[in-house]
N, C-alpha and C. Protein backbone atom coordinates (compact mmCIF):
# COMPACT_ATOMS: atom_id res chain seq x y z
N MET A 1 -7.30 50.29 41.24
CA MET A 1 -6.64 49.50 40.97
C MET A 1 -6.04 50.54 39.95
N LEU A 2 -6.62 51.17 38.77
CA LEU A 2 -5.27 51.35 38.10
C LEU A 2 -5.05 53.53 38.91
N ALA A 3 -5.81 53.46 39.55
CA ALA A 3 -5.41 54.64 40.71
C ALA A 3 -4.08 54.32 40.92
N ALA A 4 -3.78 53.12 42.12
CA ALA A 4 -2.77 52.57 42.85
C ALA A 4 -1.53 52.26 41.20
N VAL A 5 -1.87 51.54 40.77
CA VAL A 5 -0.85 51.51 39.12
C VAL A 5 -0.38 53.34 39.17
N ALA A 6 -1.15 54.28 38.58
CA ALA A 6 -0.31 55.15 38.16
C ALA A 6 -0.19 56.18 39.28
N GLU A 7 0.21 55.90 40.81
CA GLU A 7 0.60 56.42 41.83
C GLU A 7 2.14 55.75 42.54
N THR A 8 2.10 54.78 40.93
CA THR A 8 3.04 53.89 41.87
C THR A 8 4.39 54.47 41.60
N PRO A 9 5.48 54.61 42.02
CA PRO A 9 7.11 55.60 41.68
C PRO A 9 7.36 55.31 40.58
N ASP A 10 8.19 54.91 39.87
CA ASP A 10 8.55 55.05 38.32
C ASP A 10 9.75 53.61 38.98
N GLU A 11 10.10 54.26 39.86
CA GLU A 11 11.28 53.23 40.45
C GLU A 11 10.96 52.18 41.19
N ASP A 12 9.42 52.30 41.61
CA ASP A 12 9.17 50.82 41.60
C ASP A 12 8.25 49.92 40.88
N PHE A 13 8.05 50.48 39.43
CA PHE A 13 8.27 49.41 38.35
C PHE A 13 9.36 48.41 38.72
N GLU A 14 10.36 48.25 38.85
CA GLU A 14 11.40 47.26 38.53
C GLU A 14 11.43 46.29 40.65
N ARG A 15 10.88 46.70 40.92
CA ARG A 15 10.68 46.08 42.81
C ARG A 15 9.59 44.38 42.65
N PRO A 16 10.03 43.96 42.53
CA PRO A 16 9.56 42.26 42.44
C PRO A 16 7.59 42.93 42.97
N SER A 17 6.59 41.82 42.52
CA SER A 17 5.42 41.75 42.09
C SER A 17 5.08 40.52 43.00
N GLY A 18 4.14 40.62 43.49
CA GLY A 18 3.02 38.90 44.16
C GLY A 18 3.06 37.90 43.09
N CYS A 19 3.31 38.25 41.98
CA CYS A 19 3.49 36.75 41.44
C CYS A 19 4.64 36.75 41.21
N ALA A 20 5.27 35.61 40.76
CA ALA A 20 6.35 35.02 40.91
C ALA A 20 7.13 34.83 40.14
N GLY A 21 8.29 35.18 39.43
CA GLY A 21 8.82 36.15 38.30
C GLY A 21 9.17 37.07 37.89
N TRP A 22 7.66 37.26 38.41
CA TRP A 22 7.27 38.94 37.78
C TRP A 22 8.09 40.54 38.28
N LEU A 23 8.05 41.05 37.83
CA LEU A 23 8.46 42.91 38.67
C LEU A 23 7.48 43.11 38.65
N VAL A 24 7.06 44.52 39.09
CA VAL A 24 5.70 45.02 38.64
C VAL A 24 5.86 45.46 37.29
N ARG A 25 7.06 45.90 37.03
CA ARG A 25 6.93 46.83 35.42
C ARG A 25 6.06 45.20 34.94
N ASP A 26 5.69 44.48 34.38
CA ASP A 26 5.86 42.98 34.05
C ASP A 26 4.23 42.69 34.79
N LEU A 27 3.54 43.09 35.39
CA LEU A 27 2.52 42.81 36.24
C LEU A 27 1.27 43.92 35.50
N VAL A 28 2.49 44.25 35.59
CA VAL A 28 1.56 46.44 34.72
C VAL A 28 1.51 45.56 33.79
N CYS A 29 1.78 45.19 32.35
CA CYS A 29 1.95 44.57 31.04
C CYS A 29 0.48 43.58 31.07
N HIS A 30 1.00 42.76 32.11
CA HIS A 30 0.11 42.05 31.91
C HIS A 30 -1.10 42.58 31.93
N LEU A 31 -1.74 43.12 33.00
CA LEU A 31 -3.29 44.01 33.42
C LEU A 31 -3.25 45.00 31.80
N VAL A 32 -2.54 44.64 31.14
CA VAL A 32 -3.23 45.46 29.69
C VAL A 32 -3.44 45.00 29.32
N ILE A 33 -2.76 43.59 28.55
CA ILE A 33 -3.20 42.09 27.99
C ILE A 33 -4.82 41.80 28.61
N ASP A 34 -4.79 42.08 29.46
CA ASP A 34 -6.20 41.72 30.54
C ASP A 34 -7.44 42.97 29.96
N ALA A 35 -6.89 44.36 29.86
CA ALA A 35 -7.96 45.12 29.76
C ALA A 35 -8.03 45.31 28.24
N GLN A 36 -7.55 44.15 26.81
CA GLN A 36 -7.19 44.02 26.25
C GLN A 36 -8.82 42.89 25.56
N ASP A 37 -8.20 42.30 26.55
CA ASP A 37 -8.81 40.53 26.74
C ASP A 37 -10.08 41.31 27.00
N VAL A 38 -10.74 42.43 27.54
CA VAL A 38 -11.73 42.60 27.88
C VAL A 38 -13.24 43.21 27.25
N LEU A 39 -11.98 44.45 26.47
CA LEU A 39 -13.05 44.77 25.66
C LEU A 39 -13.05 43.82 24.43
N ILE A 40 -12.27 43.11 24.00
CA ILE A 40 -12.17 41.65 23.30
C ILE A 40 -13.46 41.45 23.25
N THR A 41 -13.21 40.64 24.44
CA THR A 41 -14.77 39.52 24.97
C THR A 41 -15.97 39.80 24.47
N LEU A 42 -16.11 41.61 25.53
CA LEU A 42 -16.95 42.36 25.86
C LEU A 42 -17.79 42.63 24.16
N VAL A 43 -17.61 42.60 23.19
CA VAL A 43 -17.96 42.35 21.31
C VAL A 43 -17.89 41.63 21.26
N THR A 44 -17.68 40.27 21.09
CA THR A 44 -17.89 38.87 21.10
C THR A 44 -18.61 37.80 21.31
N PRO A 45 -19.99 38.65 20.51
CA PRO A 45 -21.23 38.11 20.91
C PRO A 45 -21.73 36.62 21.14
N ALA A 46 -22.31 35.59 21.14
CA ALA A 46 -22.60 34.88 21.58
C ALA A 46 -24.25 34.25 20.80
N GLU A 47 -24.15 33.20 20.90
CA GLU A 47 -25.78 32.81 20.31
C GLU A 47 -26.48 31.30 21.00
N SER A 48 -24.90 30.40 21.43
CA SER A 48 -25.47 29.52 21.99
C SER A 48 -25.27 29.43 23.81
N ALA A 49 -25.65 28.43 24.28
CA ALA A 49 -26.01 29.25 25.38
C ALA A 49 -24.67 28.65 26.35
N PRO A 50 -24.74 29.44 27.75
CA PRO A 50 -23.31 28.73 28.15
C PRO A 50 -23.06 27.88 28.88
N THR A 51 -22.02 28.04 28.59
CA THR A 51 -20.90 26.62 29.12
C THR A 51 -19.98 26.34 30.81
N VAL A 52 -20.21 27.80 30.96
CA VAL A 52 -19.72 28.69 32.03
C VAL A 52 -20.28 29.43 32.64
N ASN A 53 -19.90 29.05 34.26
CA ASN A 53 -20.25 30.80 34.63
C ASN A 53 -19.62 31.54 35.01
N ALA A 54 -19.25 32.55 36.37
CA ALA A 54 -18.08 33.31 36.89
C ALA A 54 -17.21 32.14 37.82
N ASP A 55 -17.57 31.33 37.75
CA ASP A 55 -17.22 30.54 39.24
C ASP A 55 -16.01 29.53 38.00
N THR A 56 -17.06 28.93 37.31
CA THR A 56 -16.68 27.50 36.78
C THR A 56 -15.61 28.00 35.09
N TYR A 57 -15.90 29.64 35.06
CA TYR A 57 -14.93 29.48 34.09
C TYR A 57 -13.13 29.10 34.15
N TRP A 58 -12.93 29.95 35.51
CA TRP A 58 -11.14 29.71 36.11
C TRP A 58 -11.30 28.21 36.19
N LYS A 59 -10.36 27.69 35.92
CA LYS A 59 -10.51 26.03 36.18
C LYS A 59 -8.11 25.55 36.79
N PRO A 60 -8.84 24.70 37.94
CA PRO A 60 -7.54 24.45 37.99
C PRO A 60 -6.42 24.29 37.83
N VAL A 61 -5.22 25.50 38.02
CA VAL A 61 -4.57 24.63 36.90
C VAL A 61 -3.18 23.84 38.16
N ALA A 62 -1.81 23.70 37.36
CA ALA A 62 -0.87 23.24 38.29
C ALA A 62 0.09 25.16 38.63
N PRO A 63 0.86 24.55 39.11
CA PRO A 63 1.02 26.17 39.56
C PRO A 63 2.36 26.32 38.99
N PRO A 64 2.13 27.68 37.89
CA PRO A 64 3.33 28.15 37.43
C PRO A 64 4.51 27.61 36.97
N THR A 65 5.72 27.02 36.12
CA THR A 65 6.74 27.00 35.97
C THR A 65 7.86 27.87 35.40
N GLY A 66 7.41 28.94 34.85
CA GLY A 66 7.73 30.22 33.68
C GLY A 66 7.61 29.26 32.62
N ASP A 67 7.13 28.01 32.22
CA ASP A 67 7.96 27.11 30.68
C ASP A 67 6.65 28.08 30.19
N ASP A 68 5.47 28.77 29.61
CA ASP A 68 4.54 28.85 29.17
C ASP A 68 4.53 30.27 28.72
N PRO A 69 5.06 29.98 27.13
CA PRO A 69 5.35 31.14 26.52
C PRO A 69 4.74 32.15 26.74
N LEU A 70 3.77 32.31 26.97
CA LEU A 70 3.08 34.04 27.22
C LEU A 70 3.50 34.61 28.64
N ASP A 71 4.01 34.16 29.53
CA ASP A 71 4.42 33.92 31.32
C ASP A 71 5.89 34.91 30.26
N ALA A 72 6.16 34.32 28.97
CA ALA A 72 7.93 34.24 29.07
C ALA A 72 7.66 35.31 27.99
N LEU A 73 6.88 36.19 27.76
CA LEU A 73 7.21 37.07 26.43
C LEU A 73 6.38 38.50 27.08
N ILE A 74 5.48 37.79 28.76
CA ILE A 74 5.34 39.35 29.39
C ILE A 74 6.36 40.23 29.53
N PRO A 75 7.47 39.80 30.09
CA PRO A 75 8.85 41.12 30.70
C PRO A 75 9.53 41.25 29.82
N ARG A 76 9.74 40.60 28.78
CA ARG A 76 10.87 41.28 27.40
C ARG A 76 9.13 41.61 26.82
N LEU A 77 7.85 42.43 26.55
CA LEU A 77 6.69 43.12 25.91
C LEU A 77 6.74 44.04 27.31
N ALA A 78 6.92 43.51 28.50
CA ALA A 78 7.18 44.91 29.46
C ALA A 78 8.38 45.78 29.18
N ALA A 79 9.29 45.36 29.28
CA ALA A 79 10.88 46.07 29.06
C ALA A 79 10.87 46.38 27.34
N ALA A 80 9.87 46.49 26.52
CA ALA A 80 10.17 47.57 25.36
C ALA A 80 9.06 48.69 25.87
N TYR A 81 8.30 48.00 26.08
CA TYR A 81 7.55 50.02 26.41
C TYR A 81 8.59 51.02 27.44
N GLY A 82 10.29 50.65 27.52
CA GLY A 82 11.53 51.16 28.17
C GLY A 82 10.86 52.54 29.37
N GLU A 83 9.62 53.01 29.58
CA GLU A 83 9.51 53.85 30.75
C GLU A 83 8.72 53.63 31.03
N PRO A 84 7.63 53.46 32.98
CA PRO A 84 7.12 53.76 33.35
C PRO A 84 5.83 53.93 33.01
N ARG A 85 5.90 55.47 32.62
CA ARG A 85 4.67 55.96 31.86
C ARG A 85 3.98 56.32 31.17
N LEU A 86 5.21 54.93 29.85
CA LEU A 86 3.95 54.37 28.80
C LEU A 86 2.79 53.00 29.18
N LEU A 87 4.45 52.39 29.97
CA LEU A 87 3.38 51.05 30.71
C LEU A 87 2.63 52.16 31.43
N LYS A 88 1.55 53.23 32.30
CA LYS A 88 1.33 53.07 32.83
C LYS A 88 -0.34 54.70 31.77
N PHE A 89 0.33 54.94 30.83
CA PHE A 89 -0.58 56.06 29.65
C PHE A 89 -1.44 54.81 30.06
N HIS A 90 -0.33 53.86 28.84
CA HIS A 90 -1.33 52.77 28.02
C HIS A 90 -2.32 51.44 28.95
N LEU A 91 -2.15 51.14 30.17
CA LEU A 91 -2.95 50.57 30.89
C LEU A 91 -4.29 51.67 31.23
N ASP A 92 -4.01 52.92 31.87
CA ASP A 92 -5.01 54.04 32.23
C ASP A 92 -5.60 54.50 30.22
N ASP A 93 -5.75 54.19 30.20
CA ASP A 93 -5.81 54.05 28.35
C ASP A 93 -7.22 53.16 27.65
N VAL A 94 -6.56 52.05 28.09
CA VAL A 94 -6.87 50.57 27.70
C VAL A 94 -7.84 50.42 29.25
N GLY A 95 -7.19 50.37 29.98
CA GLY A 95 -8.46 49.51 31.71
C GLY A 95 -9.14 50.24 31.74
N SER A 96 -9.25 52.41 31.49
CA SER A 96 -10.31 53.33 30.97
C SER A 96 -11.76 52.77 30.72
N ALA A 97 -10.90 52.72 29.14
CA ALA A 97 -12.17 52.67 27.86
C ALA A 97 -12.89 50.58 28.37
N ALA A 98 -11.74 49.54 28.61
CA ALA A 98 -12.52 48.53 29.34
C ALA A 98 -13.41 48.63 30.54
N GLY A 99 -13.90 49.73 31.64
CA GLY A 99 -14.37 49.95 32.99
C GLY A 99 -15.70 50.61 32.28
N ARG A 100 -15.84 51.37 31.00
CA ARG A 100 -16.83 52.26 30.56
C ARG A 100 -16.80 50.76 29.62
N ALA A 101 -16.76 50.19 28.53
CA ALA A 101 -17.44 49.18 28.39
C ALA A 101 -17.99 47.85 29.40
N ALA A 102 -17.38 48.13 30.49
CA ALA A 102 -18.40 46.68 31.28
C ALA A 102 -19.93 47.18 32.14
N ALA A 103 -19.00 49.44 32.15
CA ALA A 103 -20.97 50.14 32.02
C ALA A 103 -21.96 49.63 31.69
N LEU A 104 -21.36 50.04 29.84
CA LEU A 104 -22.24 50.27 29.15
C LEU A 104 -23.18 48.00 28.84
N ALA A 105 -22.48 47.25 29.10
CA ALA A 105 -22.57 46.03 29.17
C ALA A 105 -24.09 45.90 29.58
N ASP A 106 -24.63 44.70 28.84
CA ASP A 106 -25.91 44.09 29.31
C ASP A 106 -25.40 42.58 30.10
N PRO A 107 -25.25 42.06 30.86
CA PRO A 107 -24.84 41.61 32.75
C PRO A 107 -25.66 40.42 31.55
N ALA A 108 -26.50 40.18 30.83
CA ALA A 108 -27.44 38.88 29.84
C ALA A 108 -27.05 38.19 28.96
N ALA A 109 -26.19 39.47 28.30
CA ALA A 109 -25.87 39.36 27.01
C ALA A 109 -24.57 37.77 27.37
N ARG A 110 -24.89 36.61 26.14
CA ARG A 110 -23.61 35.94 25.84
C ARG A 110 -22.30 36.21 25.03
N VAL A 111 -21.55 36.36 25.75
CA VAL A 111 -20.31 36.83 24.71
C VAL A 111 -19.11 34.85 24.68
N ALA A 112 -19.03 35.49 24.10
CA ALA A 112 -17.75 33.13 23.49
C ALA A 112 -16.04 34.60 24.67
N THR A 113 -14.97 33.38 25.00
CA THR A 113 -14.40 33.87 24.53
C THR A 113 -13.48 32.39 25.09
N GLN A 114 -12.47 32.58 24.84
CA GLN A 114 -11.53 31.37 25.43
C GLN A 114 -12.34 29.81 24.66
N GLY A 115 -13.36 29.37 23.88
CA GLY A 115 -13.61 28.83 23.49
C GLY A 115 -14.75 27.71 24.38
N GLU A 116 -15.38 29.67 25.33
CA GLU A 116 -16.95 28.50 26.04
C GLU A 116 -17.72 30.10 26.27
N VAL A 117 -18.92 29.83 26.10
CA VAL A 117 -19.80 30.97 26.54
C VAL A 117 -19.56 31.15 27.95
N LEU A 118 -20.42 32.31 28.23
CA LEU A 118 -20.81 32.77 29.08
C LEU A 118 -21.64 34.25 28.78
N THR A 119 -22.17 34.46 30.08
CA THR A 119 -22.88 36.28 29.89
C THR A 119 -22.44 36.64 30.54
N ALA A 120 -22.40 38.17 29.38
CA ALA A 120 -20.70 39.53 30.25
C ALA A 120 -21.48 39.11 31.51
N GLY A 121 -22.15 39.30 32.88
CA GLY A 121 -22.65 39.84 33.85
C GLY A 121 -21.56 39.01 34.54
N ASP A 122 -21.66 37.50 34.07
CA ASP A 122 -19.92 36.17 34.74
C ASP A 122 -19.35 36.40 34.73
N TYR A 123 -18.72 36.58 33.12
CA TYR A 123 -17.44 37.22 32.61
C TYR A 123 -16.57 38.62 33.32
N LEU A 124 -17.31 39.47 33.74
CA LEU A 124 -16.99 41.24 34.42
C LEU A 124 -16.65 40.33 35.97
N SER A 125 -18.19 39.42 36.45
CA SER A 125 -18.07 38.62 37.88
C SER A 125 -16.94 37.76 37.93
N ALA A 126 -16.00 36.78 37.28
CA ALA A 126 -14.39 36.45 37.02
C ALA A 126 -13.61 37.08 37.34
N TYR A 127 -13.37 38.56 36.57
CA TYR A 127 -12.71 39.67 36.57
C TYR A 127 -11.98 40.71 37.43
N VAL A 128 -13.50 40.37 38.08
CA VAL A 128 -12.91 40.54 39.30
C VAL A 128 -12.70 39.69 40.68
N LEU A 129 -12.45 38.31 40.46
CA LEU A 129 -11.82 38.14 41.24
C LEU A 129 -9.58 37.95 40.65
N GLU A 130 -9.95 37.57 39.54
CA GLU A 130 -8.48 37.61 38.72
C GLU A 130 -7.64 38.99 38.96
N TRP A 131 -8.41 40.15 38.52
CA TRP A 131 -7.91 41.92 39.00
C TRP A 131 -8.07 42.10 40.62
N THR A 132 -8.79 41.24 41.98
CA THR A 132 -8.76 41.43 42.89
C THR A 132 -6.99 41.20 43.32
N LEU A 133 -6.82 39.83 42.87
CA LEU A 133 -5.33 39.39 42.54
C LEU A 133 -4.57 40.04 42.49
N HIS A 134 -5.20 39.85 41.46
CA HIS A 134 -3.57 41.01 40.83
C HIS A 134 -4.01 42.63 41.29
N HIS A 135 -4.40 43.26 41.89
CA HIS A 135 -3.72 43.94 42.57
C HIS A 135 -3.28 44.04 43.93
N LEU A 136 -3.42 42.84 44.64
CA LEU A 136 -2.97 42.15 46.04
C LEU A 136 -1.26 41.98 45.58
N ASP A 137 -1.27 42.26 44.17
CA ASP A 137 0.32 41.41 43.36
C ASP A 137 1.27 42.80 43.34
N LEU A 138 0.58 43.75 43.09
CA LEU A 138 1.01 45.01 42.72
C LEU A 138 1.46 44.99 43.55
N VAL A 139 0.94 45.98 45.13
CA VAL A 139 1.25 46.06 46.33
C VAL A 139 1.82 45.34 47.26
N ALA A 140 1.68 44.72 46.84
CA ALA A 140 2.44 43.60 48.07
C ALA A 140 4.26 43.33 48.84
N ARG A 141 4.56 44.22 47.39
CA ARG A 141 6.61 44.35 48.39
C ARG A 141 6.40 46.04 48.09
N LEU A 142 4.82 46.66 48.09
CA LEU A 142 4.90 48.41 47.86
C LEU A 142 4.41 48.59 49.11
N PRO A 143 4.83 48.68 50.75
CA PRO A 143 3.93 49.18 51.63
C PRO A 143 2.94 50.21 52.04
N SER A 144 3.37 50.98 50.80
CA SER A 144 2.64 52.32 51.23
C SER A 144 1.60 52.70 50.67
N ALA A 145 1.91 51.13 49.16
CA ALA A 145 0.59 52.25 47.86
C ALA A 145 -0.85 51.16 48.54
N ALA A 146 -2.13 51.98 48.40
CA ALA A 146 -3.55 51.27 48.11
C ALA A 146 -3.97 49.87 48.06
N GLY A 147 -4.42 49.69 48.84
CA GLY A 147 -4.33 48.00 48.28
C GLY A 147 -5.69 47.77 47.74
N PRO A 148 -6.86 46.64 47.17
CA PRO A 148 -8.29 47.23 46.67
C PRO A 148 -8.70 47.15 47.46
N PRO A 149 -10.24 47.92 47.49
CA PRO A 149 -11.16 48.13 48.62
C PRO A 149 -11.52 46.83 49.33
N ALA A 150 -12.94 47.06 49.44
CA ALA A 150 -13.60 46.15 51.18
C ALA A 150 -14.59 45.44 50.49
N GLU A 151 -15.25 45.63 48.63
CA GLU A 151 -16.84 45.61 48.41
C GLU A 151 -15.47 44.28 47.54
N PRO A 152 -14.81 44.59 46.62
CA PRO A 152 -14.37 43.59 45.51
C PRO A 152 -12.64 42.88 46.24
N LEU A 153 -12.82 42.62 47.79
CA LEU A 153 -11.98 41.86 48.37
C LEU A 153 -12.86 40.69 49.28
N ALA A 154 -14.24 41.35 49.49
CA ALA A 154 -14.86 40.35 49.94
C ALA A 154 -16.06 39.23 48.78
N ALA A 155 -15.46 40.24 47.84
CA ALA A 155 -17.04 39.38 46.22
C ALA A 155 -15.46 38.11 45.71
N ALA A 156 -14.40 38.72 45.71
CA ALA A 156 -13.40 37.73 44.99
C ALA A 156 -12.80 36.92 46.24
N ARG A 157 -13.27 36.87 47.73
CA ARG A 157 -13.01 35.62 48.80
C ARG A 157 -14.63 34.63 49.03
N ALA A 158 -16.05 35.46 47.56
CA ALA A 158 -16.80 34.98 48.25
C ALA A 158 -16.28 33.79 46.66
N SER A 159 -15.57 34.19 45.48
CA SER A 159 -15.20 33.78 44.88
C SER A 159 -14.82 32.21 44.50
N LEU A 160 -13.39 32.36 45.26
CA LEU A 160 -12.40 31.40 45.48
C LEU A 160 -13.32 30.08 46.59
N GLU A 161 -13.78 30.62 47.33
CA GLU A 161 -14.77 30.22 48.27
C GLU A 161 -15.82 28.74 47.40
N ARG A 162 -16.52 29.51 46.47
CA ARG A 162 -17.14 29.00 45.43
C ARG A 162 -15.67 27.94 45.48
N ILE A 163 -15.49 28.30 44.16
CA ILE A 163 -14.31 27.17 43.79
C ILE A 163 -13.70 26.12 43.76
N ALA A 164 -13.51 26.69 46.02
CA ALA A 164 -12.73 25.91 46.04
C ALA A 164 -13.40 24.94 46.72
N GLY A 165 -14.65 25.23 47.01
CA GLY A 165 -15.74 24.21 47.55
C GLY A 165 -16.16 24.14 49.00
N ASP A 166 -15.65 25.30 50.23
CA ASP A 166 -15.60 25.33 51.19
C ASP A 166 -15.31 26.84 51.25
N VAL A 167 -15.28 26.60 53.13
CA VAL A 167 -15.10 28.28 53.32
C VAL A 167 -14.08 28.61 53.63
N PHE A 168 -13.79 29.54 53.97
CA PHE A 168 -12.39 29.98 55.20
C PHE A 168 -12.65 30.77 56.35
N PRO A 169 -11.81 30.03 56.99
CA PRO A 169 -11.82 30.70 59.20
C PRO A 169 -12.69 31.85 58.24
N ALA A 170 -13.46 32.11 59.43
CA ALA A 170 -14.31 33.51 60.02
C ALA A 170 -13.02 34.52 59.86
N SER A 171 -12.27 33.71 61.02
CA SER A 171 -10.91 34.04 61.48
C SER A 171 -10.28 34.91 60.22
N PHE A 172 -10.09 34.43 59.35
CA PHE A 172 -8.75 35.05 58.05
C PHE A 172 -10.29 36.10 57.86
N SER A 173 -9.06 36.91 57.62
CA SER A 173 -9.23 38.27 56.29
C SER A 173 -9.13 38.10 55.82
N ASP A 174 -9.73 38.69 54.95
CA ASP A 174 -10.20 38.44 53.45
C ASP A 174 -8.37 38.99 52.37
N ARG A 175 -7.76 39.50 52.86
CA ARG A 175 -6.50 39.31 52.08
C ARG A 175 -6.09 38.60 52.52
N ASP A 176 -5.92 37.68 53.76
CA ASP A 176 -5.36 36.47 54.16
C ASP A 176 -6.39 35.46 52.98
N ALA A 177 -7.30 35.19 53.28
CA ALA A 177 -7.44 34.21 53.22
C ALA A 177 -8.06 34.28 50.99
N LEU A 178 -7.48 35.25 50.77
CA LEU A 178 -7.05 34.82 48.73
C LEU A 178 -5.75 35.27 48.38
N LEU A 179 -5.30 35.68 49.30
CA LEU A 179 -3.36 35.18 49.97
C LEU A 179 -2.75 33.78 49.74
N ILE A 180 -3.64 33.32 51.34
CA ILE A 180 -3.76 32.02 51.48
C ILE A 180 -3.60 30.80 50.16
N GLY A 181 -5.26 31.13 49.84
CA GLY A 181 -5.58 30.10 48.93
C GLY A 181 -5.12 30.04 47.70
N THR A 182 -4.78 30.81 47.57
CA THR A 182 -3.92 30.41 45.98
C THR A 182 -2.83 30.56 45.59
N GLY A 183 -2.16 30.61 47.27
CA GLY A 183 -0.32 30.10 47.87
C GLY A 183 0.11 31.83 47.48
N ARG A 184 -0.22 32.11 47.81
CA ARG A 184 0.27 34.08 47.27
C ARG A 184 1.43 33.90 48.65
N ARG A 185 0.63 33.57 50.08
CA ARG A 185 1.56 33.24 51.42
C ARG A 185 1.49 32.11 51.86
N ALA A 186 2.04 31.13 52.11
CA ALA A 186 1.69 30.17 52.94
C ALA A 186 1.25 30.00 54.54
N PRO A 187 -0.21 29.55 54.25
CA PRO A 187 -0.22 30.44 55.65
C PRO A 187 0.87 29.41 57.92
N ASP A 188 0.81 30.52 58.20
CA ASP A 188 1.31 30.02 59.81
C ASP A 188 0.81 28.99 60.33
N ALA A 189 1.58 28.23 60.83
CA ALA A 189 0.97 27.34 62.17
C ALA A 189 -0.36 27.72 62.28
N ALA A 190 -0.80 28.30 63.44
CA ALA A 190 -1.94 28.85 63.83
C ALA A 190 -3.37 28.59 62.81
N GLU A 191 -2.73 29.26 61.83
CA GLU A 191 -3.33 29.58 59.85
C GLU A 191 -4.06 28.23 59.60
N ARG A 192 -2.98 27.10 59.34
CA ARG A 192 -3.09 25.72 58.78
C ARG A 192 -4.26 24.97 59.38
N ALA A 193 -3.90 25.00 61.15
CA ALA A 193 -4.77 24.19 62.06
C ALA A 193 -6.06 25.08 61.66
N ALA A 194 -6.54 26.29 62.00
CA ALA A 194 -8.05 26.71 61.84
C ALA A 194 -8.41 26.38 59.59
N LEU A 195 -7.15 26.10 59.05
CA LEU A 195 -8.05 25.52 57.92
C LEU A 195 -8.78 24.50 58.03
N GLY A 196 -7.71 23.50 58.71
CA GLY A 196 -8.72 22.60 59.24
C GLY A 196 -8.26 20.99 57.79
N ASP A 197 -9.37 20.66 56.61
CA ASP A 197 -9.95 19.46 56.04
C ASP A 197 -8.33 20.41 54.11
N LEU A 198 -9.16 21.75 54.40
CA LEU A 198 -9.31 22.37 53.61
C LEU A 198 -7.68 22.81 53.18
N ALA A 199 -7.06 22.08 53.91
CA ALA A 199 -5.39 22.74 54.08
C ALA A 199 -5.00 21.77 53.48
N ALA A 200 -5.27 20.70 52.75
CA ALA A 200 -4.37 19.61 52.01
C ALA A 200 -5.38 19.84 50.59
N ARG A 201 -5.60 21.02 50.26
CA ARG A 201 -6.35 21.47 48.68
C ARG A 201 -6.24 22.23 48.61
N LEU A 202 -5.28 23.01 48.93
CA LEU A 202 -4.35 24.31 49.05
C LEU A 202 -2.77 24.73 48.38
N PRO A 203 -2.12 24.87 47.45
CA PRO A 203 -3.35 26.12 46.83
C PRO A 203 -3.91 26.21 45.99
N ILE A 204 -4.79 26.51 45.23
CA ILE A 204 -5.80 26.96 44.11
C ILE A 204 -4.97 27.24 43.47
N SER A 205 -4.62 27.39 42.62
CA SER A 205 -4.49 27.71 40.84
C SER A 205 -5.15 27.98 39.64
N LEU A 206 -4.97 28.73 39.71
CA LEU A 206 -6.54 29.27 38.71
C LEU A 206 -5.46 30.05 36.56
N GLY A 207 -6.49 29.52 35.85
CA GLY A 207 -6.00 29.73 34.81
C GLY A 207 -7.20 29.50 34.16
């Protein structure tokens, strides 16, 4: 994902992303904040027993309305960078650091974040889902950009299926399962028929 952002032409930062209401530059700014969150959480140890795991960490929420103060802050913060190269540099800086911290973390260590306790391994697994979805958001309207590799796509699909308590049809690619499952793309008639009863429980909005 860091490479995909680095290779995105500056003019494409003004294009819409796959996140409703956010330009590509806004999404990249959000990724900077995500990377900072990873760094903070991995050095915030907890002594108590885990309260959530990689799947229950995500709480189904109502689809975004644009009224959330943080959602409104992101575009203003992104605009303050002025130039795409500054956003690229900041994401590469903190994103690379987050990657190094993740590689050094003890998966069994317990960490605290957002009022919950979970193992570092589960926390990082939760972020595989988060960042795979945002990688899809990044390239949603950039057809020449490279999307997520097969391994995180498959892992993210498996996570979303566990959260949903059901599986997506085998005919769905991992990418389509994630896009349809989270409401980033509406299913066509054939896809809706294949979903069966699961269609009524979609989309799954995570927060």
